[in-house]
Amino acid sequence: MKAAIPIFGTRVSPRFFYSDRMIVIDITDDMIMSKELVVISGFDPEAWVGQLLDLNVDVFICGGADRDFIRQAESRGISVINNVAGEIDRIVQAFLKGKLRQGYGLTYNIDEAEKTAGNDDADASGPDSDTGHWRDCMKCRNRTCLKGEPCGNYMPALSAPMLDDSDRKSIEFSLDIAHESERKMCRIAEVVYFAHIMEFRKVGIAFCIDMFEETELLRNILRRFFKVTSVCCRICSDTSGTKNGPEGRNGLICNPKGQALALNSAGTELNITAGLCVGCDTVLSKYSEAPVTTLFVKDKLLANNPIGALYSKYYIDTITEGVLNR
């Protein structure tokens, strides 16, 4: 029997059709006889199915897979185990033991024996009995929250009663927005709705100078509902110790603390960040007396749509190979 697994580094590729390599394993009597790294060409379902057939693959183990591909593969005699996540070696061992099935590593409906596999992914979420700190929710085996049930890893110190009346009101109205039966409100409309329900009258905008035009449009919309104070990232800025200007000359330095202090002096009740750089946004949030929400962010590479990188193999490669290797 032959099993094939598309790879991303040392893990199963999250979306197999973005992968350009896969491991093909020849198995006899639950033992690995050989492993081969195969380069993939073509990214449509037919091309993948054709190459799997050429390699005489019996089982295809992968991350995300659409119904069209699964239907084509299974109609040609190739079994598909999809929605699998994890390190390749662990996935192979689970397959050899007969424990691998759809959702392995994602839904965590794994036999109890797999929970003590001895790697970092094996830790359950919930309070650590030694430190009292919370563990990673991504490692939770139960995920009762996805079923609409209370968290199975209860920790009294984190329970809802810690919310004051204002916090609880914010959460309730955010749920009102989230449970909208028909999606009729864009993010800007949601912010307006939220601020109106919370009875905020003064709204601040802390914006990046690169988004002057966008912020002007936003301000004109918000002024229909609230008193608006907008503050640019270069407020009262100077050139102290910077060399980020043209041709190495001193450039104006951003002043997110100044933005926060200016909005504080204006008495804003809700502050909106619009395109602030990573780091500047954290400083503003630190010094802002009013609650802060992010309306849009700046991503010069992806047209201000940073989540797009998660759906592209090219950009994921850029992150893992470029940024991490600097």
C-alpha atoms as a PDB file:
ATOM      1  CA  MET A   1       0.000   0.000   0.000  1.00  0.00           C
ATOM      2  CA  LYS A   2       1.132   3.542  -0.767  1.00  0.00           C
ATOM      3  CA  ALA A   3       0.191   6.658   1.186  1.00  0.00           C
ATOM      4  CA  ALA A   4       0.926  10.217   0.081  1.00  0.00           C
ATOM      5  CA  ILE A   5       1.108  13.349   2.263  1.00  0.00           C
ATOM      6  CA  PRO A   6       1.583  16.892   0.889  1.00  0.00           C
ATOM      7  CA  ILE A   7       4.037  18.728   3.112  1.00  0.00           C
ATOM      8  CA  PHE A   8       4.745  22.227   4.383  1.00  0.00           C
ATOM      9  CA  GLY A   9       8.118  22.189   6.115  1.00  0.00           C
ATOM     10  CA  THR A  10       7.906  19.247   8.503  1.00  0.00           C
ATOM     11  CA  ARG A  11       4.110  19.343   8.787  1.00  0.00           C
ATOM     12  CA  VAL A  12       1.112  18.376   6.707  1.00  0.00           C
ATOM     13  CA  SER A  13       0.349  21.226   4.311  1.00  0.00           C
ATOM     14  CA  PRO A  14      -2.713  23.123   5.645  1.00  0.00           C
ATOM     15  CA  ARG A  15      -4.149  23.435   2.133  1.00  0.00           C
ATOM     16  CA  PHE A  16      -2.680  20.707   0.020  1.00  0.00           C
ATOM     17  CA  PHE A  17      -3.187  22.324  -3.398  1.00  0.00           C
ATOM     18  CA  TYR A  18      -0.696  25.046  -2.453  1.00  0.00           C
ATOM     19  CA  SER A  19       1.999  22.470  -1.736  1.00  0.00           C
ATOM     20  CA  ASP A  20       4.654  21.708  -4.321  1.00  0.00           C
ATOM     21  CA  ARG A  21       5.988  18.572  -2.609  1.00  0.00           C
ATOM     22  CA  MET A  22       4.641  15.452  -0.995  1.00  0.00           C
ATOM     23  CA  ILE A  23       5.969  12.397   0.790  1.00  0.00           C
ATOM     24  CA  VAL A  24       5.029   9.043  -0.750  1.00  0.00           C
ATOM     25  CA  ILE A  25       5.363   6.126   1.679  1.00  0.00           C
ATOM     26  CA  ASP A  26       5.373   2.453   0.711  1.00  0.00           C
ATOM     27  CA  ILE A  27       3.894   0.363   3.542  1.00  0.00           C
ATOM     28  CA  THR A  28       3.855  -3.409   3.950  1.00  0.00           C
ATOM     29  CA  ASP A  29       2.480  -5.203   7.043  1.00  0.00           C
ATOM     30  CA  ASP A  30       2.275  -1.899   8.940  1.00  0.00           C
ATOM     31  CA  MET A  31       5.952  -1.242   8.309  1.00  0.00           C
ATOM     32  CA  ILE A  32       7.505   1.523   6.218  1.00  0.00           C
ATOM     33  CA  MET A  33       9.450  -0.004   3.360  1.00  0.00           C
ATOM     34  CA  SER A  34      10.426   3.250   1.642  1.00  0.00           C
ATOM     35  CA  LYS A  35       9.863   7.001   1.558  1.00  0.00           C
ATOM     36  CA  GLU A  36      10.089   9.235  -1.472  1.00  0.00           C
ATOM     37  CA  LEU A  37       9.889  13.010  -1.816  1.00  0.00           C
ATOM     38  CA  VAL A  38       7.923  13.879  -4.940  1.00  0.00           C
ATOM     39  CA  VAL A  39       7.710  17.303  -6.588  1.00  0.00           C
ATOM     40  CA  ILE A  40       4.181  18.274  -7.634  1.00  0.00           C
ATOM     41  CA  SER A  41       3.248  20.087 -10.828  1.00  0.00           C
ATOM     42  CA  GLY A  42      -0.197  21.588 -11.403  1.00  0.00           C
ATOM     43  CA  PHE A  43      -2.586  22.814  -8.767  1.00  0.00           C
ATOM     44  CA  ASP A  44      -6.063  21.805  -9.941  1.00  0.00           C
ATOM     45  CA  PRO A  45      -7.883  18.680  -8.637  1.00  0.00           C
ATOM     46  CA  GLU A  46      -7.498  16.726 -11.884  1.00  0.00           C
ATOM     47  CA  ALA A  47      -3.738  17.287 -11.941  1.00  0.00           C
ATOM     48  CA  TRP A  48      -3.403  16.081  -8.352  1.00  0.00           C
ATOM     49  CA  VAL A  49      -5.557  13.008  -8.917  1.00  0.00           C
ATOM     50  CA  GLY A  50      -3.601  12.199 -12.091  1.00  0.00           C
ATOM     51  CA  GLN A  51      -0.266  12.345 -10.302  1.00  0.00           C
ATOM     52  CA  LEU A  52      -1.545  10.237  -7.415  1.00  0.00           C
ATOM     53  CA  LEU A  53      -2.708   7.613  -9.909  1.00  0.00           C
ATOM     54  CA  ASP A  54       0.656   7.684 -11.694  1.00  0.00           C
ATOM     55  CA  LEU A  55       2.350   7.003  -8.348  1.00  0.00           C
ATOM     56  CA  ASN A  56      -0.104   4.172  -7.518  1.00  0.00           C
ATOM     57  CA  VAL A  57      -1.171   5.929  -4.325  1.00  0.00           C
ATOM     58  CA  ASP A  58      -3.899   4.171  -2.342  1.00  0.00           C
ATOM     59  CA  VAL A  59      -4.398   6.667   0.492  1.00  0.00           C
ATOM     60  CA  PHE A  60      -4.049  10.437   0.335  1.00  0.00           C
ATOM     61  CA  ILE A  61      -3.551  12.174   3.714  1.00  0.00           C
ATOM     62  CA  CYS A  62      -3.978  15.935   3.613  1.00  0.00           C
ATOM     63  CA  GLY A  63      -5.115  19.143   5.292  1.00  0.00           C
ATOM     64  CA  GLY A  64      -7.968  21.084   3.705  1.00  0.00           C
ATOM     65  CA  ALA A  65      -9.556  19.452   0.655  1.00  0.00           C
ATOM     66  CA  ASP A  66     -12.684  20.468  -1.239  1.00  0.00           C
ATOM     67  CA  ARG A  67     -15.505  18.099  -2.116  1.00  0.00           C
ATOM     68  CA  ASP A  68     -14.699  18.135  -5.823  1.00  0.00           C
ATOM     69  CA  PHE A  69     -11.202  16.786  -5.233  1.00  0.00           C
ATOM     70  CA  ILE A  70     -12.365  14.153  -2.736  1.00  0.00           C
ATOM     71  CA  ARG A  71     -15.083  13.016  -5.121  1.00  0.00           C
ATOM     72  CA  GLN A  72     -12.639  12.725  -8.024  1.00  0.00           C
ATOM     73  CA  ALA A  73     -10.019  10.905  -5.955  1.00  0.00           C
ATOM     74  CA  GLU A  74     -12.407   8.407  -4.385  1.00  0.00           C
ATOM     75  CA  SER A  75     -14.078   7.700  -7.712  1.00  0.00           C
ATOM     76  CA  ARG A  76     -10.652   6.584  -8.962  1.00  0.00           C
ATOM     77  CA  GLY A  77     -10.043   4.311  -5.978  1.00  0.00           C
ATOM     78  CA  ILE A  78      -7.954   6.669  -3.823  1.00  0.00           C
ATOM     79  CA  SER A  79      -9.039   6.964  -0.187  1.00  0.00           C
ATOM     80  CA  VAL A  80      -8.785  10.483   1.261  1.00  0.00           C
ATOM     81  CA  ILE A  81      -8.189  11.311   4.924  1.00  0.00           C
ATOM     82  CA  ASN A  82      -8.544  15.082   5.071  1.00  0.00           C
ATOM     83  CA  ASN A  83      -8.495  17.872   7.659  1.00  0.00           C
ATOM     84  CA  VAL A  84      -5.343  16.391   9.163  1.00  0.00           C
ATOM     85  CA  ALA A  85      -2.799  18.579  10.948  1.00  0.00           C
ATOM     86  CA  GLY A  86       0.512  17.896  12.630  1.00  0.00           C
ATOM     87  CA  GLU A  87       4.113  16.832  12.185  1.00  0.00           C
ATOM     88  CA  ILE A  88       4.636  14.343   9.358  1.00  0.00           C
ATOM     89  CA  ASP A  89       6.327  11.724  11.566  1.00  0.00           C
ATOM     90  CA  ARG A  90       3.498  11.747  14.068  1.00  0.00           C
ATOM     91  CA  ILE A  91       0.871  11.552  11.318  1.00  0.00           C
ATOM     92  CA  VAL A  92       2.622   8.558   9.767  1.00  0.00           C
ATOM     93  CA  GLN A  93       2.815   6.760  13.113  1.00  0.00           C
ATOM     94  CA  ALA A  94      -0.864   7.397  13.769  1.00  0.00           C
ATOM     95  CA  PHE A  95      -1.679   5.998  10.325  1.00  0.00           C
ATOM     96  CA  LEU A  96       0.395   2.870  10.921  1.00  0.00           C
ATOM     97  CA  LYS A  97      -1.411   2.320  14.248  1.00  0.00           C
ATOM     98  CA  GLY A  98      -4.819   2.713  12.598  1.00  0.00           C
ATOM     99  CA  LYS A  99      -5.573   5.842  14.626  1.00  0.00           C
ATOM    100  CA  LEU A 100      -5.568   8.377  11.804  1.00  0.00           C
ATOM    101  CA  ARG A 101      -8.923   9.725  10.685  1.00  0.00           C
ATOM    102  CA  GLN A 102     -10.504  12.895   9.423  1.00  0.00           C
ATOM    103  CA  GLY A 103      -9.959  15.806  11.791  1.00  0.00           C
ATOM    104  CA  TYR A 104      -6.847  14.362  13.434  1.00  0.00           C
ATOM    105  CA  GLY A 105      -4.977  17.233  15.064  1.00  0.00           C
ATOM    106  CA  LEU A 106      -7.802  19.704  14.422  1.00  0.00           C
ATOM    107  CA  THR A 107     -10.961  18.454  16.104  1.00  0.00           C
ATOM    108  CA  TYR A 108      -8.856  16.500  18.606  1.00  0.00           C
ATOM    109  CA  ASN A 109     -11.184  13.509  18.629  1.00  0.00           C
ATOM    110  CA  ILE A 110      -8.118  11.325  19.131  1.00  0.00           C
ATOM    111  CA  ASP A 111      -7.902   8.173  21.250  1.00  0.00           C
ATOM    112  CA  GLU A 112      -6.740   8.794  24.798  1.00  0.00           C
ATOM    113  CA  ALA A 113      -3.399   7.195  24.025  1.00  0.00           C
ATOM    114  CA  GLU A 114      -2.623   9.932  21.506  1.00  0.00           C
ATOM    115  CA  LYS A 115      -2.957  12.618  24.152  1.00  0.00           C
ATOM    116  CA  THR A 116       0.238  11.479  25.831  1.00  0.00           C
ATOM    117  CA  ALA A 117       2.378  11.298  22.734  1.00  0.00           C
ATOM    118  CA  GLY A 118       5.079  13.364  24.459  1.00  0.00           C
ATOM    119  CA  ASN A 119       5.158  16.401  22.219  1.00  0.00           C
ATOM    120  CA  ASP A 120       4.120  20.002  22.662  1.00  0.00           C
ATOM    121  CA  ASP A 121       0.765  19.480  20.952  1.00  0.00           C
ATOM    122  CA  ALA A 122      -0.220  16.913  23.575  1.00  0.00           C
ATOM    123  CA  ASP A 123      -0.766  19.461  26.360  1.00  0.00           C
ATOM    124  CA  ALA A 124      -4.412  20.143  27.039  1.00  0.00           C
ATOM    125  CA  SER A 125      -5.724  23.643  27.548  1.00  0.00           C
ATOM    126  CA  GLY A 126      -7.019  24.879  30.863  1.00  0.00           C
ATOM    127  CA  PRO A 127      -5.389  26.066  34.082  1.00  0.00           C
ATOM    128  CA  ASP A 128      -1.933  24.742  34.869  1.00  0.00           C
ATOM    129  CA  SER A 129      -2.092  23.142  38.312  1.00  0.00           C
ATOM    130  CA  ASP A 130       1.439  24.293  39.108  1.00  0.00           C
ATOM    131  CA  THR A 131       1.360  27.920  37.986  1.00  0.00           C
ATOM    132  CA  GLY A 132      -2.359  28.715  37.853  1.00  0.00           C
ATOM    133  CA  HIS A 133      -1.800  30.220  34.396  1.00  0.00           C
ATOM    134  CA  TRP A 134      -3.968  29.371  31.420  1.00  0.00           C
ATOM    135  CA  ARG A 135      -2.697  26.988  28.769  1.00  0.00           C
ATOM    136  CA  ASP A 136      -3.169  27.341  25.008  1.00  0.00           C
ATOM    137  CA  CYS A 137      -6.784  26.978  23.786  1.00  0.00           C
ATOM    138  CA  MET A 138      -5.506  25.654  20.444  1.00  0.00           C
ATOM    139  CA  LYS A 139      -4.362  22.550  22.333  1.00  0.00           C
ATOM    140  CA  CYS A 140      -7.775  21.861  23.849  1.00  0.00           C
ATOM    141  CA  ARG A 141      -8.944  18.308  23.172  1.00  0.00           C
ATOM    142  CA  ASN A 142     -12.631  18.884  23.884  1.00  0.00           C
ATOM    143  CA  ARG A 143     -13.423  22.230  22.251  1.00  0.00           C
ATOM    144  CA  THR A 144     -16.883  22.270  23.759  1.00  0.00           C
ATOM    145  CA  CYS A 145     -17.094  25.968  22.870  1.00  0.00           C
ATOM    146  CA  LEU A 146     -17.444  25.004  19.193  1.00  0.00           C
ATOM    147  CA  LYS A 147     -20.551  23.019  20.131  1.00  0.00           C
ATOM    148  CA  GLY A 148     -22.138  25.980  21.894  1.00  0.00           C
ATOM    149  CA  GLU A 149     -21.419  24.440  25.287  1.00  0.00           C
ATOM    150  CA  PRO A 150     -19.596  25.978  28.292  1.00  0.00           C
ATOM    151  CA  CYS A 151     -15.808  25.762  28.372  1.00  0.00           C
ATOM    152  CA  GLY A 152     -14.773  22.375  29.710  1.00  0.00           C
ATOM    153  CA  ASN A 153     -11.677  23.828  31.385  1.00  0.00           C
ATOM    154  CA  TYR A 154     -13.298  26.030  33.992  1.00  0.00           C
ATOM    155  CA  MET A 155     -11.115  28.450  35.925  1.00  0.00           C
ATOM    156  CA  PRO A 156     -13.004  30.551  38.518  1.00  0.00           C
ATOM    157  CA  ALA A 157     -10.636  33.514  38.277  1.00  0.00           C
ATOM    158  CA  LEU A 158     -11.513  33.937  34.588  1.00  0.00           C
ATOM    159  CA  SER A 159     -15.286  33.533  34.889  1.00  0.00           C
ATOM    160  CA  ALA A 160     -17.814  36.082  33.626  1.00  0.00           C
ATOM    161  CA  PRO A 161     -18.623  37.725  37.026  1.00  0.00           C
ATOM    162  CA  MET A 162     -15.308  39.600  36.843  1.00  0.00           C
ATOM    163  CA  LEU A 163     -16.921  41.914  34.242  1.00  0.00           C
ATOM    164  CA  ASP A 164     -18.249  45.240  35.466  1.00  0.00           C
ATOM    165  CA  ASP A 165     -21.512  46.653  34.110  1.00  0.00           C
ATOM    166  CA  SER A 166     -19.820  48.571  31.308  1.00  0.00           C
ATOM    167  CA  ASP A 167     -17.767  45.549  30.205  1.00  0.00           C
ATOM    168  CA  ARG A 168     -20.811  43.304  30.257  1.00  0.00           C
ATOM    169  CA  LYS A 169     -22.787  45.818  28.212  1.00  0.00           C
ATOM    170  CA  SER A 170     -20.003  45.924  25.598  1.00  0.00           C
ATOM    171  CA  ILE A 171     -19.974  42.131  25.324  1.00  0.00           C
ATOM    172  CA  GLU A 172     -23.750  41.892  25.085  1.00  0.00           C
ATOM    173  CA  PHE A 173     -23.930  44.377  22.242  1.00  0.00           C
ATOM    174  CA  SER A 174     -20.997  42.772  20.453  1.00  0.00           C
ATOM    175  CA  LEU A 175     -22.934  39.498  20.564  1.00  0.00           C
ATOM    176  CA  ASP A 176     -25.954  41.324  19.213  1.00  0.00           C
ATOM    177  CA  ILE A 177     -23.847  42.315  16.214  1.00  0.00           C
ATOM    178  CA  ALA A 178     -22.215  38.886  15.843  1.00  0.00           C
ATOM    179  CA  HIS A 179     -25.598  37.105  15.863  1.00  0.00           C
ATOM    180  CA  GLU A 180     -27.014  39.242  13.073  1.00  0.00           C
ATOM    181  CA  SER A 181     -29.058  36.746  11.021  1.00  0.00           C
ATOM    182  CA  GLU A 182     -28.308  38.442   7.708  1.00  0.00           C
ATOM    183  CA  ARG A 183     -24.979  40.138   7.214  1.00  0.00           C
ATOM    184  CA  LYS A 184     -26.044  43.679   6.447  1.00  0.00           C
ATOM    185  CA  MET A 185     -23.430  45.660   8.366  1.00  0.00           C
ATOM    186  CA  CYS A 186     -19.842  46.186   7.294  1.00  0.00           C
ATOM    187  CA  ARG A 187     -17.210  46.833   9.957  1.00  0.00           C
ATOM    188  CA  ILE A 188     -17.681  50.617   9.848  1.00  0.00           C
ATOM    189  CA  ALA A 189     -21.429  50.173  10.348  1.00  0.00           C
ATOM    190  CA  GLU A 190     -20.750  47.805  13.248  1.00  0.00           C
ATOM    191  CA  VAL A 191     -18.558  50.415  14.956  1.00  0.00           C
ATOM    192  CA  VAL A 192     -21.234  53.088  14.502  1.00  0.00           C
ATOM    193  CA  TYR A 193     -23.902  50.737  15.841  1.00  0.00           C
ATOM    194  CA  PHE A 194     -21.770  49.710  18.804  1.00  0.00           C
ATOM    195  CA  ALA A 195     -20.831  53.275  19.755  1.00  0.00           C
ATOM    196  CA  HIS A 196     -24.455  54.411  19.410  1.00  0.00           C
ATOM    197  CA  ILE A 197     -25.797  51.606  21.607  1.00  0.00           C
ATOM    198  CA  MET A 198     -23.071  52.241  24.189  1.00  0.00           C
ATOM    199  CA  GLU A 199     -24.234  55.883  24.221  1.00  0.00           C
ATOM    200  CA  PHE A 200     -20.826  57.228  23.285  1.00  0.00           C
ATOM    201  CA  ARG A 201     -20.939  60.821  22.069  1.00  0.00           C
ATOM    202  CA  LYS A 202     -17.262  61.554  21.521  1.00  0.00           C
ATOM    203  CA  VAL A 203     -15.210  59.300  19.241  1.00  0.00           C
ATOM    204  CA  GLY A 204     -11.512  59.596  18.477  1.00  0.00           C
ATOM    205  CA  ILE A 205      -9.571  58.400  15.441  1.00  0.00           C
ATOM    206  CA  ALA A 206      -5.856  57.701  15.795  1.00  0.00           C
ATOM    207  CA  PHE A 207      -4.631  57.341  12.234  1.00  0.00           C
ATOM    208  CA  CYS A 208      -1.465  56.806  10.239  1.00  0.00           C
ATOM    209  CA  ILE A 209      -0.337  59.611   7.962  1.00  0.00           C
ATOM    210  CA  ASP A 210      -0.315  57.089   5.095  1.00  0.00           C
ATOM    211  CA  MET A 211      -4.100  56.854   5.441  1.00  0.00           C
ATOM    212  CA  PHE A 212      -4.960  60.546   5.480  1.00  0.00           C
ATOM    213  CA  GLU A 213      -7.509  60.307   2.668  1.00  0.00           C
ATOM    214  CA  GLU A 214      -9.187  57.172   4.043  1.00  0.00           C
ATOM    215  CA  THR A 215      -9.407  58.745   7.488  1.00  0.00           C
ATOM    216  CA  GLU A 216     -10.986  61.887   6.079  1.00  0.00           C
ATOM    217  CA  LEU A 217     -13.720  59.777   4.507  1.00  0.00           C
ATOM    218  CA  LEU A 218     -14.180  57.858   7.754  1.00  0.00           C
ATOM    219  CA  ARG A 219     -14.335  61.072   9.774  1.00  0.00           C
ATOM    220  CA  ASN A 220     -17.008  62.497   7.491  1.00  0.00           C
ATOM    221  CA  ILE A 221     -19.137  59.409   8.051  1.00  0.00           C
ATOM    222  CA  LEU A 222     -18.678  59.324  11.820  1.00  0.00           C
ATOM    223  CA  ARG A 223     -19.438  63.051  12.150  1.00  0.00           C
ATOM    224  CA  ARG A 224     -23.034  62.285  11.198  1.00  0.00           C
ATOM    225  CA  PHE A 225     -23.407  60.444  14.488  1.00  0.00           C
ATOM    226  CA  PHE A 226     -20.728  61.629  16.917  1.00  0.00           C
ATOM    227  CA  LYS A 227     -18.371  64.418  17.819  1.00  0.00           C
ATOM    228  CA  VAL A 228     -15.114  63.266  16.241  1.00  0.00           C
ATOM    229  CA  THR A 229     -11.517  64.097  17.086  1.00  0.00           C
ATOM    230  CA  SER A 230      -8.890  62.799  14.670  1.00  0.00           C
ATOM    231  CA  VAL A 231      -5.203  62.712  15.523  1.00  0.00           C
ATOM    232  CA  CYS A 232      -2.392  61.925  13.079  1.00  0.00           C
ATOM    233  CA  CYS A 233       0.543  59.723  14.070  1.00  0.00           C
ATOM    234  CA  ARG A 234       2.906  62.660  13.458  1.00  0.00           C
ATOM    235  CA  ILE A 235       1.322  64.931  16.053  1.00  0.00           C
ATOM    236  CA  CYS A 236       4.035  67.100  17.684  1.00  0.00           C
ATOM    237  CA  SER A 237       6.635  64.746  16.191  1.00  0.00           C
ATOM    238  CA  ASP A 238      10.330  65.480  15.840  1.00  0.00           C
ATOM    239  CA  THR A 239      13.408  63.853  14.346  1.00  0.00           C
ATOM    240  CA  SER A 240      15.034  62.695  17.558  1.00  0.00           C
ATOM    241  CA  GLY A 241      17.549  59.998  16.840  1.00  0.00           C
ATOM    242  CA  THR A 242      15.946  58.648  13.672  1.00  0.00           C
ATOM    243  CA  LYS A 243      17.473  57.918  10.288  1.00  0.00           C
ATOM    244  CA  ASN A 244      14.339  56.763   8.485  1.00  0.00           C
ATOM    245  CA  GLY A 245      13.941  59.764   6.223  1.00  0.00           C
ATOM    246  CA  PRO A 246      14.806  59.986   2.503  1.00  0.00           C
ATOM    247  CA  GLU A 247      18.450  59.246   1.682  1.00  0.00           C
ATOM    248  CA  GLY A 248      19.210  58.494   5.323  1.00  0.00           C
ATOM    249  CA  ARG A 249      18.239  61.932   6.590  1.00  0.00           C
ATOM    250  CA  ASN A 250      16.494  62.327   9.891  1.00  0.00           C
ATOM    251  CA  GLY A 251      12.788  61.592   9.500  1.00  0.00           C
ATOM    252  CA  LEU A 252       9.759  62.501  11.554  1.00  0.00           C
ATOM    253  CA  ILE A 253       9.109  59.964  14.264  1.00  0.00           C
ATOM    254  CA  CYS A 254       5.597  58.670  14.996  1.00  0.00           C
ATOM    255  CA  ASN A 255       4.102  59.748  18.292  1.00  0.00           C
ATOM    256  CA  PRO A 256       1.412  57.233  19.378  1.00  0.00           C
ATOM    257  CA  LYS A 257       1.685  58.288  23.025  1.00  0.00           C
ATOM    258  CA  GLY A 258       1.012  61.854  21.928  1.00  0.00           C
ATOM    259  CA  GLN A 259      -2.013  60.628  19.969  1.00  0.00           C
ATOM    260  CA  ALA A 260      -3.396  58.935  23.058  1.00  0.00           C
ATOM    261  CA  LEU A 261      -2.782  61.967  25.265  1.00  0.00           C
ATOM    262  CA  ALA A 262      -4.434  64.264  22.723  1.00  0.00           C
ATOM    263  CA  LEU A 263      -7.504  62.038  22.579  1.00  0.00           C
ATOM    264  CA  ASN A 264      -7.546  61.838  26.364  1.00  0.00           C
ATOM    265  CA  SER A 265      -7.566  65.638  26.544  1.00  0.00           C
ATOM    266  CA  ALA A 266     -10.472  65.700  24.079  1.00  0.00           C
ATOM    267  CA  GLY A 267     -12.452  63.458  26.396  1.00  0.00           C
ATOM    268  CA  THR A 268     -13.170  60.780  23.785  1.00  0.00           C
ATOM    269  CA  GLU A 269     -15.229  57.808  24.960  1.00  0.00           C
ATOM    270  CA  LEU A 270     -14.106  55.402  22.215  1.00  0.00           C
ATOM    271  CA  ASN A 271     -10.896  55.544  20.191  1.00  0.00           C
ATOM    272  CA  ILE A 272     -10.526  53.975  16.752  1.00  0.00           C
ATOM    273  CA  THR A 273      -7.150  53.062  15.266  1.00  0.00           C
ATOM    274  CA  ALA A 274      -6.856  53.445  11.529  1.00  0.00           C
ATOM    275  CA  GLY A 275      -3.737  52.049   9.911  1.00  0.00           C
ATOM    276  CA  LEU A 276      -1.301  52.428  12.797  1.00  0.00           C
ATOM    277  CA  CYS A 277       1.925  50.458  12.479  1.00  0.00           C
ATOM    278  CA  VAL A 278       2.545  47.404  14.624  1.00  0.00           C
ATOM    279  CA  GLY A 279       4.060  48.672  17.861  1.00  0.00           C
ATOM    280  CA  CYS A 280       2.572  52.142  17.569  1.00  0.00           C
ATOM    281  CA  ASP A 281      -0.889  50.655  18.070  1.00  0.00           C
ATOM    282  CA  THR A 282       0.236  48.947  21.276  1.00  0.00           C
ATOM    283  CA  VAL A 283       1.661  52.191  22.662  1.00  0.00           C
ATOM    284  CA  LEU A 284      -1.544  54.065  21.890  1.00  0.00           C
ATOM    285  CA  SER A 285      -3.654  51.379  23.580  1.00  0.00           C
ATOM    286  CA  LYS A 286      -1.389  51.540  26.619  1.00  0.00           C
ATOM    287  CA  TYR A 287      -1.901  55.260  27.182  1.00  0.00           C
ATOM    288  CA  SER A 288      -5.475  55.663  25.972  1.00  0.00           C
ATOM    289  CA  GLU A 289      -7.985  56.313  28.741  1.00  0.00           C
ATOM    290  CA  ALA A 290     -10.889  55.346  26.475  1.00  0.00           C
ATOM    291  CA  PRO A 291     -11.385  51.819  25.117  1.00  0.00           C
ATOM    292  CA  VAL A 292      -9.663  51.209  21.776  1.00  0.00           C
ATOM    293  CA  THR A 293     -10.952  49.287  18.758  1.00  0.00           C
ATOM    294  CA  THR A 294      -9.197  48.657  15.442  1.00  0.00           C
ATOM    295  CA  LEU A 295     -11.184  49.556  12.360  1.00  0.00           C
ATOM    296  CA  PHE A 296      -8.585  48.865   9.714  1.00  0.00           C
ATOM    297  CA  VAL A 297      -4.886  48.098   9.650  1.00  0.00           C
ATOM    298  CA  LYS A 298      -2.045  48.888   7.318  1.00  0.00           C
ATOM    299  CA  ASP A 299      -0.517  46.173   5.151  1.00  0.00           C
ATOM    300  CA  LYS A 300       1.414  47.714   2.295  1.00  0.00           C
ATOM    301  CA  LEU A 301       2.001  44.378   0.595  1.00  0.00           C
ATOM    302  CA  LEU A 302      -1.549  43.014   0.647  1.00  0.00           C
ATOM    303  CA  ALA A 303      -3.710  46.096   0.049  1.00  0.00           C
ATOM    304  CA  ASN A 304      -4.406  46.436   3.781  1.00  0.00           C
ATOM    305  CA  ASN A 305      -5.738  42.880   3.958  1.00  0.00           C
ATOM    306  CA  PRO A 306      -3.267  41.032   6.233  1.00  0.00           C
ATOM    307  CA  ILE A 307      -5.443  37.944   6.621  1.00  0.00           C
ATOM    308  CA  GLY A 308      -4.888  37.267   2.912  1.00  0.00           C
ATOM    309  CA  ALA A 309      -1.410  35.947   3.736  1.00  0.00           C
ATOM    310  CA  LEU A 310      -2.952  32.973   5.534  1.00  0.00           C
ATOM    311  CA  TYR A 311      -4.575  31.806   2.302  1.00  0.00           C
ATOM    312  CA  SER A 312      -1.486  31.984   0.135  1.00  0.00           C
ATOM    313  CA  LYS A 313       1.381  29.498   0.088  1.00  0.00           C
ATOM    314  CA  TYR A 314       3.628  32.190  -1.379  1.00  0.00           C
ATOM    315  CA  TYR A 315       3.145  34.572   1.536  1.00  0.00           C
ATOM    316  CA  ILE A 316       3.306  31.809   4.144  1.00  0.00           C
ATOM    317  CA  ASP A 317       6.648  30.799   2.637  1.00  0.00           C
ATOM    318  CA  THR A 318       7.737  34.442   2.792  1.00  0.00           C
ATOM    319  CA  ILE A 319       6.870  34.595   6.483  1.00  0.00           C
ATOM    320  CA  THR A 320       8.485  31.325   7.502  1.00  0.00           C
ATOM    321  CA  GLU A 321      11.539  31.408   5.240  1.00  0.00           C
ATOM    322  CA  GLY A 322      12.124  35.137   5.037  1.00  0.00           C
ATOM    323  CA  VAL A 323      11.182  36.721   8.332  1.00  0.00           C
ATOM    324  CA  LEU A 324      12.195  33.842  10.606  1.00  0.00           C
ATOM    325  CA  ASN A 325      15.575  33.429   8.943  1.00  0.00           C
ATOM    326  CA  ARG A 326      16.625  37.064   9.357  1.00  0.00           C
END
